[in-house]
Amino acid sequence: MIQYFDPRNRQALFDFTCSLEKLLIKHDAANREIVLICIGSDRATGDCLGPIVGHKLKLCKRRLRKQKKFHLYGTLENPVHAKNLENTLHYIDACHPGALIIAIDASLGVVEHVGCITLEEGSLSPGIGVSKNLPSVGDFFITGIVNLSGFGGQMLLQTTHLNLVMQLADFISMGLYQCLSQTQTQPRSQFRPALQRAE
């Protein structure tokens, strides 16, 4: 079931991190390689959410690299987008067999959900909002709803406010960092002090 989180709600980051932690535990993340694939292009404002999240997490990689089973694909420097997604997935399958894959991407939605984060178990179908037929990816996925769905999806991505994208990227990267920098099997109460400081 899809879950929505509104970054404007002070409780949202804690709720998001708790839900993410539950999925990591469910998928036995502590005993598997974790692959984070941040999808998108830096050539359209609305589509750069994934690469910005990847960029932010790359800056924190010294702490995250302590989790030796953590791998990051898709940054501003080396984005994963429509033209190289299939090859990237083949590479991940070959290099990280059996890994837990978490996909991150921008999405379009209804007006009341614009500016929200979604978390859902299952595979992400990237590009569906702009009528692109791309391979599905992920054991579960996170999206940031950057604009309205409907006619002219590609144009909407190009006219999305960068400030909104940055706010969503901050939220997603902070939540992921809180989970991935700690042991996935810790009780969620141990996350509370760090999240309160983050707020």
N, C-alpha and C. Protein backbone atom coordinates (compact mmCIF):
# COMPACT_ATOMS: atom_id res chain seq x y z
N MET A 1 0.85 -1.20 0.00
CA MET A 1 0.00 0.00 0.00
C MET A 1 0.88 1.25 0.00
N ILE A 2 0.52 2.19 -0.83
CA ILE A 2 1.31 3.41 -0.94
C ILE A 2 1.08 4.29 0.30
N GLN A 3 2.17 4.89 0.79
CA GLN A 3 2.10 5.79 1.93
C GLN A 3 2.54 7.18 1.48
N TYR A 4 1.86 8.20 1.99
CA TYR A 4 2.17 9.60 1.65
C TYR A 4 2.71 10.31 2.89
N PHE A 5 3.71 11.15 2.67
CA PHE A 5 4.32 11.93 3.75
C PHE A 5 4.47 13.37 3.28
N ASP A 6 3.94 14.30 4.06
CA ASP A 6 4.00 15.71 3.72
C ASP A 6 5.13 16.37 4.52
N PRO A 7 6.22 16.78 3.86
CA PRO A 7 7.35 17.38 4.58
C PRO A 7 7.00 18.61 5.40
N ARG A 8 5.85 19.22 5.12
CA ARG A 8 5.44 20.40 5.89
C ARG A 8 4.92 20.01 7.28
N ASN A 9 4.66 18.74 7.46
CA ASN A 9 4.22 18.22 8.75
C ASN A 9 5.45 17.84 9.58
N ARG A 10 5.59 18.38 10.78
CA ARG A 10 6.78 18.16 11.60
C ARG A 10 6.98 16.69 11.97
N GLN A 11 5.90 15.93 12.01
CA GLN A 11 5.97 14.51 12.35
C GLN A 11 6.35 13.65 11.15
N ALA A 12 6.30 14.23 9.95
CA ALA A 12 6.42 13.43 8.73
C ALA A 12 7.76 12.72 8.61
N LEU A 13 8.85 13.38 8.97
CA LEU A 13 10.16 12.77 8.83
C LEU A 13 10.30 11.55 9.74
N PHE A 14 9.82 11.66 10.96
CA PHE A 14 9.86 10.53 11.87
C PHE A 14 9.01 9.38 11.34
N ASP A 15 7.80 9.69 10.86
CA ASP A 15 6.92 8.65 10.33
C ASP A 15 7.55 7.98 9.10
N PHE A 16 8.13 8.78 8.23
CA PHE A 16 8.78 8.25 7.02
C PHE A 16 9.92 7.30 7.38
N THR A 17 10.75 7.73 8.33
CA THR A 17 11.90 6.91 8.71
C THR A 17 11.47 5.61 9.38
N CYS A 18 10.44 5.67 10.20
CA CYS A 18 9.93 4.45 10.84
C CYS A 18 9.38 3.48 9.80
N SER A 19 8.64 3.99 8.82
CA SER A 19 8.09 3.13 7.76
C SER A 19 9.20 2.55 6.91
N LEU A 20 10.21 3.36 6.61
CA LEU A 20 11.35 2.88 5.84
C LEU A 20 12.12 1.81 6.60
N GLU A 21 12.30 2.02 7.90
CA GLU A 21 13.00 1.04 8.74
C GLU A 21 12.26 -0.30 8.73
N LYS A 22 10.94 -0.27 8.80
CA LYS A 22 10.15 -1.50 8.79
C LYS A 22 10.35 -2.28 7.49
N LEU A 23 10.42 -1.55 6.37
CA LEU A 23 10.64 -2.21 5.09
C LEU A 23 12.04 -2.80 5.01
N LEU A 24 13.03 -2.10 5.54
CA LEU A 24 14.39 -2.62 5.55
C LEU A 24 14.48 -3.91 6.37
N ILE A 25 13.82 -3.91 7.51
CA ILE A 25 13.82 -5.12 8.35
C ILE A 25 13.07 -6.26 7.66
N LYS A 26 11.93 -5.95 7.07
CA LYS A 26 11.13 -6.95 6.37
C LYS A 26 11.93 -7.63 5.26
N HIS A 27 12.75 -6.84 4.57
CA HIS A 27 13.53 -7.36 3.44
C HIS A 27 14.93 -7.81 3.86
N ASP A 28 15.15 -7.97 5.18
CA ASP A 28 16.41 -8.51 5.71
C ASP A 28 17.61 -7.69 5.23
N ALA A 29 17.48 -6.37 5.26
CA ALA A 29 18.53 -5.49 4.75
C ALA A 29 19.86 -5.66 5.48
N ALA A 30 19.81 -6.03 6.75
CA ALA A 30 21.04 -6.16 7.54
C ALA A 30 21.94 -7.28 7.02
N ASN A 31 21.36 -8.22 6.27
CA ASN A 31 22.12 -9.36 5.77
C ASN A 31 22.22 -9.39 4.25
N ARG A 32 21.93 -8.27 3.61
CA ARG A 32 21.99 -8.20 2.15
C ARG A 32 22.74 -6.95 1.71
N GLU A 33 23.24 -6.97 0.49
CA GLU A 33 23.73 -5.74 -0.10
C GLU A 33 22.54 -4.82 -0.34
N ILE A 34 22.76 -3.52 -0.18
CA ILE A 34 21.72 -2.53 -0.44
C ILE A 34 22.15 -1.67 -1.62
N VAL A 35 21.33 -1.62 -2.62
CA VAL A 35 21.60 -0.79 -3.80
C VAL A 35 20.55 0.32 -3.85
N LEU A 36 21.02 1.54 -3.84
CA LEU A 36 20.15 2.71 -3.97
C LEU A 36 20.32 3.26 -5.38
N ILE A 37 19.23 3.26 -6.16
CA ILE A 37 19.31 3.76 -7.53
C ILE A 37 18.42 4.99 -7.65
N CYS A 38 19.06 6.12 -7.88
CA CYS A 38 18.39 7.43 -7.93
C CYS A 38 18.21 7.81 -9.39
N ILE A 39 16.99 7.77 -9.86
CA ILE A 39 16.70 7.89 -11.29
C ILE A 39 16.30 9.32 -11.65
N GLY A 40 16.79 9.79 -12.79
CA GLY A 40 16.41 11.12 -13.26
C GLY A 40 17.53 11.79 -14.02
N SER A 41 17.19 12.93 -14.60
CA SER A 41 18.15 13.70 -15.39
C SER A 41 18.31 15.09 -14.80
N ASP A 42 19.52 15.63 -14.92
CA ASP A 42 19.75 16.99 -14.43
C ASP A 42 19.37 18.04 -15.48
N ARG A 43 18.77 17.61 -16.58
CA ARG A 43 18.44 18.53 -17.67
C ARG A 43 17.02 19.08 -17.59
N ALA A 44 16.24 18.58 -16.65
CA ALA A 44 14.88 19.10 -16.41
C ALA A 44 14.70 19.25 -14.92
N THR A 45 14.24 20.41 -14.48
CA THR A 45 14.16 20.69 -13.05
C THR A 45 13.38 19.63 -12.29
N GLY A 46 12.22 19.27 -12.79
CA GLY A 46 11.38 18.31 -12.08
C GLY A 46 11.93 16.91 -12.09
N ASP A 47 12.79 16.60 -13.05
CA ASP A 47 13.32 15.25 -13.18
C ASP A 47 14.63 15.06 -12.44
N CYS A 48 15.15 16.11 -11.80
CA CYS A 48 16.47 16.01 -11.16
C CYS A 48 16.38 15.63 -9.69
N LEU A 49 15.21 15.27 -9.20
CA LEU A 49 15.07 14.88 -7.79
C LEU A 49 15.99 13.71 -7.45
N GLY A 50 15.94 12.65 -8.26
CA GLY A 50 16.77 11.47 -7.99
C GLY A 50 18.25 11.79 -7.94
N PRO A 51 18.80 12.44 -8.98
CA PRO A 51 20.23 12.78 -8.95
C PRO A 51 20.62 13.69 -7.79
N ILE A 52 19.74 14.58 -7.36
CA ILE A 52 20.06 15.45 -6.22
C ILE A 52 20.11 14.63 -4.94
N VAL A 53 19.17 13.70 -4.76
CA VAL A 53 19.22 12.82 -3.59
C VAL A 53 20.52 12.02 -3.61
N GLY A 54 20.88 11.48 -4.78
CA GLY A 54 22.13 10.74 -4.90
C GLY A 54 23.33 11.60 -4.57
N HIS A 55 23.32 12.84 -5.03
CA HIS A 55 24.41 13.77 -4.76
C HIS A 55 24.54 14.03 -3.26
N LYS A 56 23.42 14.24 -2.60
CA LYS A 56 23.44 14.52 -1.16
C LYS A 56 23.96 13.31 -0.38
N LEU A 57 23.53 12.12 -0.77
CA LEU A 57 23.99 10.92 -0.07
C LEU A 57 25.46 10.63 -0.37
N LYS A 58 25.90 10.97 -1.56
CA LYS A 58 27.31 10.80 -1.90
C LYS A 58 28.19 11.65 -0.99
N LEU A 59 27.72 12.84 -0.63
CA LEU A 59 28.47 13.71 0.27
C LEU A 59 28.58 13.10 1.66
N CYS A 60 27.64 12.20 1.99
CA CYS A 60 27.66 11.54 3.31
C CYS A 60 28.27 10.15 3.22
N LYS A 61 28.90 9.83 2.10
CA LYS A 61 29.29 8.44 1.86
C LYS A 61 30.31 7.92 2.84
N ARG A 62 31.10 8.79 3.48
CA ARG A 62 32.10 8.29 4.43
C ARG A 62 31.41 7.54 5.56
N ARG A 63 30.30 8.09 6.05
CA ARG A 63 29.56 7.40 7.12
C ARG A 63 28.83 6.19 6.56
N LEU A 64 28.24 6.35 5.37
CA LEU A 64 27.47 5.26 4.79
C LEU A 64 28.37 4.11 4.34
N ARG A 65 29.60 4.42 3.96
CA ARG A 65 30.50 3.36 3.49
C ARG A 65 30.88 2.41 4.62
N LYS A 66 30.61 2.81 5.87
CA LYS A 66 30.81 1.86 6.96
C LYS A 66 29.89 0.67 6.80
N GLN A 67 28.76 0.93 6.13
CA GLN A 67 27.90 -0.18 5.72
C GLN A 67 28.49 -0.71 4.41
N LYS A 68 29.37 -1.70 4.48
CA LYS A 68 30.13 -2.12 3.31
C LYS A 68 29.25 -2.69 2.22
N LYS A 69 28.02 -3.00 2.56
CA LYS A 69 27.12 -3.58 1.58
C LYS A 69 26.25 -2.53 0.89
N PHE A 70 26.58 -1.26 1.07
CA PHE A 70 25.79 -0.17 0.49
C PHE A 70 26.41 0.31 -0.82
N HIS A 71 25.56 0.47 -1.86
CA HIS A 71 26.04 0.92 -3.17
C HIS A 71 25.06 1.97 -3.70
N LEU A 72 25.60 3.03 -4.29
CA LEU A 72 24.81 4.17 -4.76
C LEU A 72 24.99 4.36 -6.26
N TYR A 73 23.87 4.43 -6.98
CA TYR A 73 23.88 4.71 -8.42
C TYR A 73 22.93 5.87 -8.70
N GLY A 74 23.42 6.84 -9.47
CA GLY A 74 22.59 7.98 -9.85
C GLY A 74 22.90 9.22 -9.03
N THR A 75 23.76 10.09 -9.57
CA THR A 75 24.11 11.36 -8.93
C THR A 75 24.07 12.45 -9.99
N LEU A 76 24.29 13.69 -9.58
CA LEU A 76 24.35 14.77 -10.55
C LEU A 76 25.51 14.57 -11.52
N GLU A 77 26.60 14.02 -11.00
CA GLU A 77 27.78 13.79 -11.85
C GLU A 77 27.58 12.62 -12.80
N ASN A 78 26.94 11.57 -12.31
CA ASN A 78 26.71 10.36 -13.11
C ASN A 78 25.25 9.93 -12.97
N PRO A 79 24.34 10.63 -13.65
CA PRO A 79 22.91 10.32 -13.48
C PRO A 79 22.52 9.00 -14.14
N VAL A 80 21.46 8.39 -13.60
CA VAL A 80 20.83 7.22 -14.21
C VAL A 80 19.51 7.70 -14.78
N HIS A 81 19.37 7.61 -16.09
CA HIS A 81 18.19 8.17 -16.77
C HIS A 81 17.69 7.20 -17.83
N ALA A 82 16.74 7.66 -18.63
CA ALA A 82 16.08 6.78 -19.59
C ALA A 82 17.05 6.09 -20.54
N LYS A 83 18.11 6.78 -20.93
CA LYS A 83 19.02 6.23 -21.93
C LYS A 83 19.98 5.18 -21.39
N ASN A 84 20.25 5.22 -20.08
CA ASN A 84 21.20 4.24 -19.54
C ASN A 84 20.62 3.37 -18.43
N LEU A 85 19.32 3.49 -18.18
CA LEU A 85 18.71 2.74 -17.09
C LEU A 85 18.83 1.23 -17.30
N GLU A 86 18.51 0.76 -18.48
CA GLU A 86 18.53 -0.68 -18.73
C GLU A 86 19.94 -1.25 -18.54
N ASN A 87 20.94 -0.56 -19.07
CA ASN A 87 22.32 -1.03 -18.91
C ASN A 87 22.75 -1.00 -17.45
N THR A 88 22.30 0.03 -16.72
CA THR A 88 22.63 0.12 -15.29
C THR A 88 22.03 -1.04 -14.51
N LEU A 89 20.80 -1.40 -14.84
CA LEU A 89 20.15 -2.52 -14.16
C LEU A 89 20.85 -3.84 -14.45
N HIS A 90 21.30 -4.02 -15.69
CA HIS A 90 22.07 -5.22 -16.02
C HIS A 90 23.36 -5.28 -15.21
N TYR A 91 24.01 -4.12 -15.08
CA TYR A 91 25.25 -4.05 -14.32
C TYR A 91 25.01 -4.38 -12.84
N ILE A 92 23.93 -3.84 -12.30
CA ILE A 92 23.60 -4.11 -10.89
C ILE A 92 23.29 -5.58 -10.68
N ASP A 93 22.54 -6.18 -11.60
CA ASP A 93 22.23 -7.61 -11.49
C ASP A 93 23.50 -8.46 -11.50
N ALA A 94 24.47 -8.05 -12.32
CA ALA A 94 25.71 -8.81 -12.44
C ALA A 94 26.63 -8.62 -11.24
N CYS A 95 26.69 -7.39 -10.74
CA CYS A 95 27.64 -7.06 -9.67
C CYS A 95 27.08 -7.25 -8.27
N HIS A 96 25.75 -7.16 -8.13
CA HIS A 96 25.13 -7.25 -6.81
C HIS A 96 23.95 -8.22 -6.84
N PRO A 97 24.20 -9.49 -7.16
CA PRO A 97 23.08 -10.45 -7.22
C PRO A 97 22.42 -10.61 -5.86
N GLY A 98 21.10 -10.59 -5.88
CA GLY A 98 20.35 -10.77 -4.65
C GLY A 98 20.28 -9.54 -3.77
N ALA A 99 20.76 -8.41 -4.27
CA ALA A 99 20.76 -7.18 -3.46
C ALA A 99 19.34 -6.65 -3.26
N LEU A 100 19.17 -5.93 -2.17
CA LEU A 100 17.93 -5.18 -1.93
C LEU A 100 18.04 -3.87 -2.68
N ILE A 101 17.13 -3.62 -3.60
CA ILE A 101 17.20 -2.43 -4.45
C ILE A 101 16.11 -1.45 -4.05
N ILE A 102 16.53 -0.23 -3.75
CA ILE A 102 15.62 0.86 -3.41
C ILE A 102 15.69 1.89 -4.53
N ALA A 103 14.57 2.16 -5.18
CA ALA A 103 14.53 3.11 -6.28
C ALA A 103 13.97 4.45 -5.81
N ILE A 104 14.53 5.52 -6.35
CA ILE A 104 14.08 6.88 -6.03
C ILE A 104 13.87 7.64 -7.34
N ASP A 105 12.76 8.33 -7.44
CA ASP A 105 12.46 9.06 -8.67
C ASP A 105 11.47 10.17 -8.38
N ALA A 106 11.39 11.12 -9.29
CA ALA A 106 10.34 12.14 -9.25
C ALA A 106 9.07 11.55 -9.84
N SER A 107 7.93 12.10 -9.45
CA SER A 107 6.67 11.65 -10.02
C SER A 107 5.70 12.82 -10.14
N LEU A 108 4.63 12.57 -10.87
CA LEU A 108 3.55 13.54 -11.03
C LEU A 108 2.32 13.00 -10.34
N GLY A 109 1.45 13.88 -9.86
CA GLY A 109 0.27 13.41 -9.14
C GLY A 109 -0.85 14.43 -9.12
N VAL A 110 -1.87 14.16 -8.33
CA VAL A 110 -3.01 15.07 -8.20
C VAL A 110 -2.60 16.28 -7.36
N VAL A 111 -3.37 17.33 -7.44
CA VAL A 111 -2.98 18.60 -6.85
C VAL A 111 -2.74 18.51 -5.35
N GLU A 112 -3.57 17.73 -4.63
CA GLU A 112 -3.43 17.66 -3.17
C GLU A 112 -2.19 16.87 -2.73
N HIS A 113 -1.57 16.13 -3.66
CA HIS A 113 -0.38 15.36 -3.32
C HIS A 113 0.92 16.00 -3.80
N VAL A 114 0.83 17.08 -4.56
CA VAL A 114 2.05 17.75 -5.02
C VAL A 114 2.82 18.27 -3.79
N GLY A 115 4.10 17.97 -3.74
CA GLY A 115 4.91 18.35 -2.59
C GLY A 115 5.03 17.26 -1.55
N CYS A 116 4.44 16.08 -1.81
CA CYS A 116 4.49 14.97 -0.87
C CYS A 116 5.50 13.91 -1.32
N ILE A 117 5.91 13.10 -0.36
CA ILE A 117 6.78 11.95 -0.61
C ILE A 117 5.93 10.69 -0.55
N THR A 118 6.22 9.72 -1.41
CA THR A 118 5.54 8.44 -1.33
C THR A 118 6.55 7.33 -1.04
N LEU A 119 6.08 6.30 -0.37
CA LEU A 119 6.87 5.10 -0.10
C LEU A 119 5.97 3.91 -0.37
N GLU A 120 6.46 2.99 -1.20
CA GLU A 120 5.61 1.84 -1.54
C GLU A 120 6.47 0.62 -1.82
N GLU A 121 5.98 -0.52 -1.37
CA GLU A 121 6.65 -1.78 -1.64
C GLU A 121 6.31 -2.23 -3.05
N GLY A 122 7.28 -2.84 -3.73
CA GLY A 122 7.09 -3.25 -5.11
C GLY A 122 8.02 -2.49 -6.04
N SER A 123 7.88 -2.75 -7.33
CA SER A 123 8.77 -2.14 -8.31
C SER A 123 8.25 -0.81 -8.81
N LEU A 124 9.17 0.12 -9.02
CA LEU A 124 8.86 1.43 -9.60
C LEU A 124 8.81 1.30 -11.12
N SER A 125 7.86 1.97 -11.75
CA SER A 125 7.79 2.05 -13.21
C SER A 125 8.19 3.46 -13.63
N PRO A 126 9.48 3.72 -13.79
CA PRO A 126 9.93 5.09 -14.10
C PRO A 126 9.45 5.54 -15.48
N GLY A 127 9.17 6.83 -15.59
CA GLY A 127 8.79 7.40 -16.88
C GLY A 127 7.33 7.27 -17.23
N ILE A 128 6.55 6.57 -16.38
CA ILE A 128 5.15 6.34 -16.74
C ILE A 128 4.36 7.65 -16.79
N GLY A 129 4.77 8.62 -15.97
CA GLY A 129 4.06 9.90 -15.96
C GLY A 129 4.27 10.74 -17.20
N VAL A 130 5.33 10.41 -17.96
CA VAL A 130 5.61 11.15 -19.21
C VAL A 130 5.58 10.19 -20.39
N SER A 131 4.83 9.09 -20.24
CA SER A 131 4.56 8.13 -21.32
C SER A 131 5.82 7.47 -21.88
N LYS A 132 6.78 7.16 -21.00
CA LYS A 132 7.98 6.43 -21.41
C LYS A 132 7.87 4.98 -20.95
N ASN A 133 8.30 4.07 -21.81
CA ASN A 133 8.26 2.65 -21.50
C ASN A 133 9.65 2.20 -21.05
N LEU A 134 9.86 2.17 -19.74
CA LEU A 134 11.16 1.83 -19.18
C LEU A 134 11.02 0.61 -18.27
N PRO A 135 12.11 -0.12 -18.05
CA PRO A 135 12.03 -1.31 -17.19
C PRO A 135 11.71 -0.95 -15.74
N SER A 136 10.95 -1.82 -15.09
CA SER A 136 10.63 -1.62 -13.68
C SER A 136 11.87 -1.88 -12.84
N VAL A 137 11.93 -1.24 -11.66
CA VAL A 137 13.12 -1.35 -10.83
C VAL A 137 12.75 -1.25 -9.35
N GLY A 138 13.42 -2.05 -8.53
CA GLY A 138 13.31 -1.89 -7.08
C GLY A 138 12.48 -2.95 -6.38
N ASP A 139 12.87 -3.23 -5.13
CA ASP A 139 12.06 -4.04 -4.22
C ASP A 139 11.03 -3.16 -3.53
N PHE A 140 11.40 -1.90 -3.31
CA PHE A 140 10.45 -0.86 -2.93
C PHE A 140 11.00 0.47 -3.41
N PHE A 141 10.17 1.49 -3.39
CA PHE A 141 10.59 2.75 -4.00
C PHE A 141 10.06 3.96 -3.25
N ILE A 142 10.76 5.06 -3.48
CA ILE A 142 10.42 6.36 -2.89
C ILE A 142 10.28 7.35 -4.04
N THR A 143 9.20 8.12 -4.03
CA THR A 143 9.07 9.17 -5.03
C THR A 143 8.74 10.50 -4.36
N GLY A 144 9.09 11.57 -5.04
CA GLY A 144 8.68 12.91 -4.64
C GLY A 144 7.75 13.46 -5.72
N ILE A 145 6.56 13.86 -5.34
CA ILE A 145 5.58 14.35 -6.32
C ILE A 145 5.87 15.83 -6.58
N VAL A 146 6.40 16.11 -7.75
CA VAL A 146 6.93 17.44 -8.04
C VAL A 146 5.95 18.34 -8.82
N ASN A 147 4.94 17.73 -9.43
CA ASN A 147 4.02 18.54 -10.23
C ASN A 147 2.77 17.72 -10.55
N LEU A 148 1.84 18.34 -11.28
CA LEU A 148 0.57 17.70 -11.62
C LEU A 148 0.74 16.70 -12.75
N SER A 149 -0.01 15.63 -12.68
CA SER A 149 -0.03 14.67 -13.79
C SER A 149 -1.05 15.13 -14.83
N GLY A 150 -0.92 14.56 -16.02
CA GLY A 150 -1.87 14.90 -17.07
C GLY A 150 -1.17 15.30 -18.34
N PHE A 151 -1.87 16.05 -19.17
CA PHE A 151 -1.34 16.44 -20.48
C PHE A 151 -0.09 17.30 -20.32
N GLY A 152 0.92 17.03 -21.17
CA GLY A 152 2.13 17.83 -21.15
C GLY A 152 3.05 17.51 -20.01
N GLY A 153 3.16 16.23 -19.64
CA GLY A 153 3.97 15.84 -18.50
C GLY A 153 5.42 16.26 -18.59
N GLN A 154 6.02 16.10 -19.78
CA GLN A 154 7.43 16.46 -19.94
C GLN A 154 7.63 17.96 -19.76
N MET A 155 6.70 18.76 -20.25
CA MET A 155 6.80 20.20 -20.09
C MET A 155 6.64 20.59 -18.61
N LEU A 156 5.75 19.87 -17.90
CA LEU A 156 5.58 20.15 -16.48
C LEU A 156 6.87 19.89 -15.71
N LEU A 157 7.60 18.84 -16.07
CA LEU A 157 8.86 18.55 -15.41
C LEU A 157 9.87 19.67 -15.63
N GLN A 158 9.82 20.27 -16.80
CA GLN A 158 10.78 21.33 -17.14
C GLN A 158 10.43 22.67 -16.50
N THR A 159 9.20 22.80 -16.02
CA THR A 159 8.79 24.08 -15.42
C THR A 159 8.54 23.95 -13.91
N THR A 160 8.98 22.84 -13.32
CA THR A 160 8.82 22.63 -11.88
C THR A 160 9.75 23.56 -11.10
N HIS A 161 9.28 24.05 -9.97
CA HIS A 161 10.10 24.94 -9.14
C HIS A 161 11.24 24.15 -8.49
N LEU A 162 12.45 24.64 -8.66
CA LEU A 162 13.62 23.98 -8.08
C LEU A 162 13.54 23.93 -6.56
N ASN A 163 12.96 24.97 -5.94
CA ASN A 163 12.86 25.00 -4.49
C ASN A 163 12.07 23.80 -3.96
N LEU A 164 10.99 23.45 -4.65
CA LEU A 164 10.20 22.28 -4.23
C LEU A 164 11.02 21.01 -4.36
N VAL A 165 11.74 20.86 -5.45
CA VAL A 165 12.58 19.68 -5.66
C VAL A 165 13.62 19.57 -4.55
N MET A 166 14.24 20.69 -4.18
CA MET A 166 15.26 20.67 -3.14
C MET A 166 14.67 20.28 -1.78
N GLN A 167 13.48 20.76 -1.48
CA GLN A 167 12.83 20.41 -0.22
C GLN A 167 12.55 18.91 -0.15
N LEU A 168 12.06 18.36 -1.25
CA LEU A 168 11.78 16.92 -1.29
C LEU A 168 13.08 16.11 -1.20
N ALA A 169 14.12 16.58 -1.88
CA ALA A 169 15.41 15.88 -1.86
C ALA A 169 16.01 15.90 -0.45
N ASP A 170 15.88 17.04 0.24
CA ASP A 170 16.38 17.13 1.63
C ASP A 170 15.67 16.11 2.51
N PHE A 171 14.37 16.02 2.38
CA PHE A 171 13.56 15.11 3.20
C PHE A 171 13.95 13.66 2.94
N ILE A 172 14.00 13.28 1.67
CA ILE A 172 14.30 11.89 1.31
C ILE A 172 15.71 11.51 1.75
N SER A 173 16.68 12.36 1.44
CA SER A 173 18.07 12.04 1.77
C SER A 173 18.28 11.98 3.28
N MET A 174 17.60 12.85 4.03
CA MET A 174 17.74 12.81 5.48
C MET A 174 17.16 11.52 6.06
N GLY A 175 15.99 11.13 5.56
CA GLY A 175 15.38 9.90 6.04
C GLY A 175 16.21 8.67 5.70
N LEU A 176 16.71 8.61 4.48
CA LEU A 176 17.56 7.49 4.08
C LEU A 176 18.84 7.45 4.90
N TYR A 177 19.44 8.61 5.10
CA TYR A 177 20.68 8.65 5.86
C TYR A 177 20.48 8.16 7.29
N GLN A 178 19.36 8.57 7.91
CA GLN A 178 19.08 8.16 9.27
C GLN A 178 18.98 6.64 9.37
N CYS A 179 18.38 6.00 8.36
CA CYS A 179 18.22 4.55 8.39
C CYS A 179 19.50 3.82 7.99
N LEU A 180 20.12 4.25 6.90
CA LEU A 180 21.24 3.50 6.35
C LEU A 180 22.52 3.68 7.14
N SER A 181 22.61 4.72 7.95
CA SER A 181 23.82 4.93 8.74
C SER A 181 23.77 4.22 10.08
N GLN A 182 22.67 3.53 10.36
CA GLN A 182 22.52 2.77 11.60
C GLN A 182 22.19 1.33 11.26
N THR A 183 22.29 0.48 12.24
CA THR A 183 21.94 -0.92 12.04
C THR A 183 20.45 -1.04 11.83
N GLN A 184 20.06 -1.72 10.75
CA GLN A 184 18.65 -1.75 10.38
C GLN A 184 17.76 -2.45 11.39
N THR A 185 18.33 -3.24 12.29
CA THR A 185 17.50 -3.98 13.23
C THR A 185 17.32 -3.27 14.56
N GLN A 186 17.82 -2.02 14.70
CA GLN A 186 17.62 -1.29 15.94
C GLN A 186 16.15 -0.94 16.13
N PRO A 187 15.66 -0.91 17.35
CA PRO A 187 14.28 -0.47 17.59
C PRO A 187 14.10 0.97 17.13
N ARG A 188 12.91 1.29 16.68
CA ARG A 188 12.71 2.61 16.12
C ARG A 188 12.84 3.71 17.16
N SER A 189 12.71 3.38 18.44
CA SER A 189 12.87 4.39 19.49
C SER A 189 14.27 4.98 19.47
N GLN A 190 15.26 4.21 18.97
CA GLN A 190 16.62 4.69 18.92
C GLN A 190 16.82 5.73 17.83
N PHE A 191 15.86 5.85 16.91
CA PHE A 191 15.94 6.86 15.87
C PHE A 191 15.43 8.21 16.37
N ARG A 192 14.61 8.22 17.41
CA ARG A 192 13.90 9.43 17.79
C ARG A 192 14.81 10.62 18.12
N PRO A 193 15.89 10.45 18.93
CA PRO A 193 16.71 11.62 19.24
C PRO A 193 17.32 12.27 18.01
N ALA A 194 17.83 11.46 17.08
CA ALA A 194 18.44 12.03 15.89
C ALA A 194 17.41 12.75 15.04
N LEU A 195 16.22 12.18 14.93
CA LEU A 195 15.18 12.82 14.14
C LEU A 195 14.72 14.11 14.77
N GLN A 196 14.63 14.15 16.05
CA GLN A 196 14.22 15.39 16.71
C GLN A 196 15.25 16.49 16.49
N ARG A 197 16.54 16.11 16.50
CA ARG A 197 17.56 17.11 16.21
C ARG A 197 17.45 17.59 14.78
N ALA A 198 17.12 16.65 13.87
CA ALA A 198 17.02 17.02 12.46
C ALA A 198 15.89 18.01 12.24
N GLU A 199 14.81 17.87 12.99
CA GLU A 199 13.68 18.78 12.84
C GLU A 199 13.98 20.16 13.40
